[in-house]
Amino acid sequence: MPGRPRAADSHQDPKPVPVERLIFARKFRQARKAAKLSQRGIRDRTGFTQAWISAVETGKSAPNLDSMAVLAKCVGVPLWKLLVLNRPGNPGGSIT
């Protein structure tokens, strides 16, 4: 007879992170580093907290469109370039 579920059994997997969020996260981090800016530098320019910027870069936070536009402007890259997946034959996907 089955007993009460153990804690490990009742733990559900977290929702998967949308691929679009991960693309933005990776591309924004690359653009920030290419612009030679630290997360603190982004914080100082935007007023966003460093913890939130870190969460965005790891895909843990979902920035809204306005926030993504501010971040893109801060690193000098058009927002659309931070949303396009790099693929062979897709030169528009490059951040440089």
N, C-alpha and C. Protein backbone atom coordinates (compact mmCIF):
# COMPACT_ATOMS: atom_id res chain seq x y z
N MET A 1 0.84 -1.17 0.00
CA MET A 1 0.00 0.00 0.00
C MET A 1 0.89 1.24 0.00
N PRO A 2 0.66 2.15 -0.94
CA PRO A 2 1.50 3.34 -1.00
C PRO A 2 1.22 4.25 0.19
N GLY A 3 2.27 4.81 0.70
CA GLY A 3 2.14 5.75 1.80
C GLY A 3 2.10 7.18 1.28
N ARG A 4 2.28 8.07 2.19
CA ARG A 4 2.33 9.48 1.83
C ARG A 4 3.52 9.75 0.92
N PRO A 5 3.37 10.61 -0.10
CA PRO A 5 4.53 10.88 -0.96
C PRO A 5 5.64 11.56 -0.17
N ARG A 6 6.84 11.17 -0.47
CA ARG A 6 7.99 11.83 0.14
C ARG A 6 8.19 13.20 -0.49
N ALA A 7 8.92 14.04 0.18
CA ALA A 7 9.14 15.41 -0.31
C ALA A 7 9.73 15.39 -1.72
N ALA A 8 10.67 14.50 -1.97
CA ALA A 8 11.30 14.45 -3.30
C ALA A 8 10.30 14.04 -4.36
N ASP A 9 9.33 13.19 -4.00
CA ASP A 9 8.33 12.74 -4.96
C ASP A 9 7.32 13.82 -5.28
N SER A 10 7.04 14.68 -4.32
CA SER A 10 6.00 15.69 -4.53
C SER A 10 6.54 16.97 -5.18
N HIS A 11 7.87 17.06 -5.31
CA HIS A 11 8.47 18.26 -5.91
C HIS A 11 8.27 18.21 -7.42
N GLN A 12 7.65 19.24 -7.95
CA GLN A 12 7.44 19.31 -9.39
C GLN A 12 8.58 20.06 -10.05
N ASP A 13 8.86 19.69 -11.29
CA ASP A 13 9.88 20.40 -12.05
C ASP A 13 9.40 21.81 -12.32
N PRO A 14 10.31 22.79 -12.25
CA PRO A 14 9.90 24.16 -12.59
C PRO A 14 9.53 24.25 -14.06
N LYS A 15 8.76 25.28 -14.37
CA LYS A 15 8.38 25.48 -15.77
C LYS A 15 9.63 25.72 -16.61
N PRO A 16 9.67 25.17 -17.80
CA PRO A 16 10.84 25.43 -18.66
C PRO A 16 10.90 26.90 -19.06
N VAL A 17 12.11 27.39 -19.19
CA VAL A 17 12.31 28.79 -19.57
C VAL A 17 12.11 28.90 -21.08
N PRO A 18 11.30 29.87 -21.53
CA PRO A 18 11.09 30.04 -22.97
C PRO A 18 12.41 30.30 -23.70
N VAL A 19 12.58 29.68 -24.85
CA VAL A 19 13.82 29.81 -25.61
C VAL A 19 14.08 31.27 -25.98
N GLU A 20 13.04 32.04 -26.25
CA GLU A 20 13.22 33.46 -26.61
C GLU A 20 13.89 34.22 -25.46
N ARG A 21 13.51 33.90 -24.23
CA ARG A 21 14.12 34.56 -23.08
C ARG A 21 15.60 34.20 -22.99
N LEU A 22 15.92 32.94 -23.25
CA LEU A 22 17.31 32.51 -23.19
C LEU A 22 18.15 33.13 -24.30
N ILE A 23 17.55 33.30 -25.48
CA ILE A 23 18.26 33.97 -26.57
C ILE A 23 18.59 35.40 -26.17
N PHE A 24 17.59 36.13 -25.66
CA PHE A 24 17.85 37.51 -25.24
C PHE A 24 18.90 37.53 -24.14
N ALA A 25 18.79 36.64 -23.17
CA ALA A 25 19.74 36.61 -22.05
C ALA A 25 21.17 36.44 -22.55
N ARG A 26 21.37 35.45 -23.41
CA ARG A 26 22.73 35.18 -23.92
C ARG A 26 23.25 36.33 -24.77
N LYS A 27 22.40 36.83 -25.66
CA LYS A 27 22.84 37.89 -26.57
C LYS A 27 23.09 39.20 -25.82
N PHE A 28 22.26 39.49 -24.81
CA PHE A 28 22.48 40.71 -24.03
C PHE A 28 23.81 40.62 -23.29
N ARG A 29 24.08 39.48 -22.66
CA ARG A 29 25.35 39.33 -21.94
C ARG A 29 26.53 39.51 -22.89
N GLN A 30 26.45 38.91 -24.08
CA GLN A 30 27.52 39.06 -25.07
C GLN A 30 27.70 40.52 -25.46
N ALA A 31 26.59 41.21 -25.68
CA ALA A 31 26.65 42.62 -26.08
C ALA A 31 27.21 43.48 -24.96
N ARG A 32 26.84 43.18 -23.72
CA ARG A 32 27.36 43.94 -22.58
C ARG A 32 28.87 43.77 -22.49
N LYS A 33 29.33 42.55 -22.63
CA LYS A 33 30.78 42.31 -22.55
C LYS A 33 31.51 42.94 -23.73
N ALA A 34 30.91 42.89 -24.93
CA ALA A 34 31.52 43.51 -26.11
C ALA A 34 31.61 45.03 -25.93
N ALA A 35 30.65 45.60 -25.19
CA ALA A 35 30.66 47.04 -24.91
C ALA A 35 31.57 47.38 -23.73
N LYS A 36 32.22 46.34 -23.17
CA LYS A 36 33.13 46.51 -22.03
C LYS A 36 32.42 47.14 -20.84
N LEU A 37 31.20 46.69 -20.59
CA LEU A 37 30.42 47.16 -19.45
C LEU A 37 30.22 46.03 -18.46
N SER A 38 30.31 46.36 -17.19
CA SER A 38 29.99 45.40 -16.14
C SER A 38 28.50 45.49 -15.83
N GLN A 39 28.01 44.55 -15.05
CA GLN A 39 26.61 44.65 -14.61
C GLN A 39 26.42 45.92 -13.79
N ARG A 40 27.43 46.30 -13.03
CA ARG A 40 27.34 47.55 -12.27
C ARG A 40 27.26 48.76 -13.20
N GLY A 41 28.00 48.70 -14.30
CA GLY A 41 27.93 49.78 -15.28
C GLY A 41 26.54 49.91 -15.88
N ILE A 42 25.92 48.77 -16.17
CA ILE A 42 24.54 48.78 -16.67
C ILE A 42 23.62 49.35 -15.60
N ARG A 43 23.82 48.92 -14.36
CA ARG A 43 23.02 49.44 -13.24
C ARG A 43 23.12 50.95 -13.15
N ASP A 44 24.34 51.46 -13.23
CA ASP A 44 24.54 52.91 -13.11
C ASP A 44 23.90 53.68 -14.25
N ARG A 45 23.88 53.09 -15.43
CA ARG A 45 23.31 53.77 -16.60
C ARG A 45 21.79 53.67 -16.67
N THR A 46 21.23 52.60 -16.10
CA THR A 46 19.79 52.36 -16.27
C THR A 46 18.97 52.53 -15.01
N GLY A 47 19.59 52.35 -13.86
CA GLY A 47 18.83 52.37 -12.61
C GLY A 47 18.26 51.02 -12.23
N PHE A 48 18.42 50.01 -13.10
CA PHE A 48 17.98 48.66 -12.77
C PHE A 48 18.95 48.09 -11.74
N THR A 49 18.46 47.23 -10.86
CA THR A 49 19.35 46.65 -9.86
C THR A 49 20.30 45.64 -10.51
N GLN A 50 21.46 45.51 -9.90
CA GLN A 50 22.44 44.55 -10.42
C GLN A 50 21.89 43.13 -10.31
N ALA A 51 21.15 42.85 -9.24
CA ALA A 51 20.57 41.51 -9.08
C ALA A 51 19.60 41.20 -10.21
N TRP A 52 18.79 42.19 -10.61
CA TRP A 52 17.83 41.97 -11.69
C TRP A 52 18.57 41.78 -13.02
N ILE A 53 19.61 42.57 -13.26
CA ILE A 53 20.39 42.44 -14.49
C ILE A 53 20.99 41.03 -14.57
N SER A 54 21.51 40.55 -13.45
CA SER A 54 22.06 39.20 -13.41
C SER A 54 20.97 38.17 -13.70
N ALA A 55 19.79 38.37 -13.13
CA ALA A 55 18.68 37.44 -13.36
C ALA A 55 18.25 37.45 -14.83
N VAL A 56 18.29 38.61 -15.46
CA VAL A 56 17.97 38.70 -16.89
C VAL A 56 19.00 37.91 -17.69
N GLU A 57 20.27 38.09 -17.37
CA GLU A 57 21.35 37.44 -18.12
C GLU A 57 21.37 35.92 -17.96
N THR A 58 20.76 35.43 -16.90
CA THR A 58 20.71 33.98 -16.69
C THR A 58 19.35 33.39 -17.08
N GLY A 59 18.45 34.24 -17.55
CA GLY A 59 17.14 33.76 -17.97
C GLY A 59 16.17 33.54 -16.83
N LYS A 60 16.53 33.96 -15.62
CA LYS A 60 15.66 33.77 -14.46
C LYS A 60 14.59 34.84 -14.36
N SER A 61 14.81 35.97 -15.01
CA SER A 61 13.84 37.06 -15.00
C SER A 61 13.40 37.34 -16.43
N ALA A 62 12.13 37.67 -16.58
CA ALA A 62 11.56 37.95 -17.90
C ALA A 62 11.34 39.45 -18.04
N PRO A 63 12.27 40.16 -18.67
CA PRO A 63 12.09 41.61 -18.82
C PRO A 63 10.97 41.91 -19.81
N ASN A 64 10.29 43.04 -19.57
CA ASN A 64 9.26 43.44 -20.54
C ASN A 64 9.93 44.14 -21.71
N LEU A 65 9.15 44.44 -22.71
CA LEU A 65 9.69 45.03 -23.94
C LEU A 65 10.38 46.36 -23.68
N ASP A 66 9.80 47.20 -22.85
CA ASP A 66 10.41 48.49 -22.55
C ASP A 66 11.77 48.32 -21.88
N SER A 67 11.86 47.38 -20.93
CA SER A 67 13.13 47.14 -20.25
C SER A 67 14.18 46.59 -21.20
N MET A 68 13.75 45.69 -22.10
CA MET A 68 14.70 45.16 -23.08
C MET A 68 15.21 46.27 -23.98
N ALA A 69 14.34 47.21 -24.35
CA ALA A 69 14.76 48.33 -25.20
C ALA A 69 15.78 49.20 -24.48
N VAL A 70 15.58 49.43 -23.18
CA VAL A 70 16.53 50.23 -22.40
C VAL A 70 17.88 49.51 -22.33
N LEU A 71 17.85 48.22 -22.07
CA LEU A 71 19.10 47.45 -21.99
C LEU A 71 19.83 47.44 -23.32
N ALA A 72 19.09 47.26 -24.41
CA ALA A 72 19.71 47.25 -25.74
C ALA A 72 20.37 48.60 -26.04
N LYS A 73 19.66 49.68 -25.74
CA LYS A 73 20.22 51.02 -25.99
C LYS A 73 21.48 51.23 -25.17
N CYS A 74 21.47 50.74 -23.95
CA CYS A 74 22.61 50.91 -23.05
C CYS A 74 23.88 50.26 -23.61
N VAL A 75 23.72 49.12 -24.29
CA VAL A 75 24.89 48.44 -24.86
C VAL A 75 25.13 48.81 -26.32
N GLY A 76 24.29 49.69 -26.86
CA GLY A 76 24.49 50.18 -28.22
C GLY A 76 24.16 49.19 -29.32
N VAL A 77 23.20 48.31 -29.06
CA VAL A 77 22.80 47.30 -30.04
C VAL A 77 21.29 47.42 -30.26
N PRO A 78 20.84 47.42 -31.51
CA PRO A 78 19.39 47.44 -31.75
C PRO A 78 18.72 46.24 -31.07
N LEU A 79 17.58 46.47 -30.47
CA LEU A 79 16.89 45.41 -29.74
C LEU A 79 16.67 44.17 -30.59
N TRP A 80 16.31 44.35 -31.84
CA TRP A 80 16.00 43.17 -32.67
C TRP A 80 17.19 42.23 -32.79
N LYS A 81 18.41 42.79 -32.73
CA LYS A 81 19.60 41.94 -32.84
C LYS A 81 19.79 41.07 -31.60
N LEU A 82 19.22 41.50 -30.49
CA LEU A 82 19.33 40.71 -29.26
C LEU A 82 18.24 39.64 -29.19
N LEU A 83 17.34 39.66 -30.15
CA LEU A 83 16.23 38.70 -30.16
C LEU A 83 16.33 37.67 -31.27
N VAL A 84 17.33 37.82 -32.15
CA VAL A 84 17.47 36.94 -33.31
C VAL A 84 18.51 35.88 -33.01
N LEU A 85 18.15 34.64 -33.26
CA LEU A 85 19.06 33.53 -33.08
C LEU A 85 20.07 33.50 -34.22
N ASN A 86 21.35 33.40 -33.89
CA ASN A 86 22.38 33.30 -34.93
C ASN A 86 22.29 31.94 -35.59
N ARG A 87 22.20 31.95 -36.90
CA ARG A 87 22.19 30.72 -37.68
C ARG A 87 23.02 30.95 -38.93
N PRO A 88 23.58 29.90 -39.48
CA PRO A 88 24.31 30.07 -40.74
C PRO A 88 23.40 30.70 -41.79
N GLY A 89 23.92 31.67 -42.50
CA GLY A 89 23.13 32.36 -43.52
C GLY A 89 22.22 33.43 -42.95
N ASN A 90 22.37 33.74 -41.66
CA ASN A 90 21.56 34.77 -41.02
C ASN A 90 22.48 35.84 -40.44
N PRO A 91 23.11 36.64 -41.30
CA PRO A 91 24.07 37.62 -40.80
C PRO A 91 23.44 38.67 -39.90
N GLY A 92 22.14 38.89 -40.01
CA GLY A 92 21.48 39.88 -39.16
C GLY A 92 21.46 39.48 -37.70
N GLY A 93 21.77 38.22 -37.42
CA GLY A 93 21.74 37.76 -36.05
C GLY A 93 22.96 38.14 -35.24
N SER A 94 24.00 38.61 -35.88
CA SER A 94 25.23 38.96 -35.19
C SER A 94 25.06 40.26 -34.43
N ILE A 95 25.67 40.35 -33.24
CA ILE A 95 25.57 41.58 -32.46
C ILE A 95 26.65 42.57 -32.82
N THR A 96 27.63 42.16 -33.61
CA THR A 96 28.71 43.08 -33.94
C THR A 96 28.46 43.78 -35.24
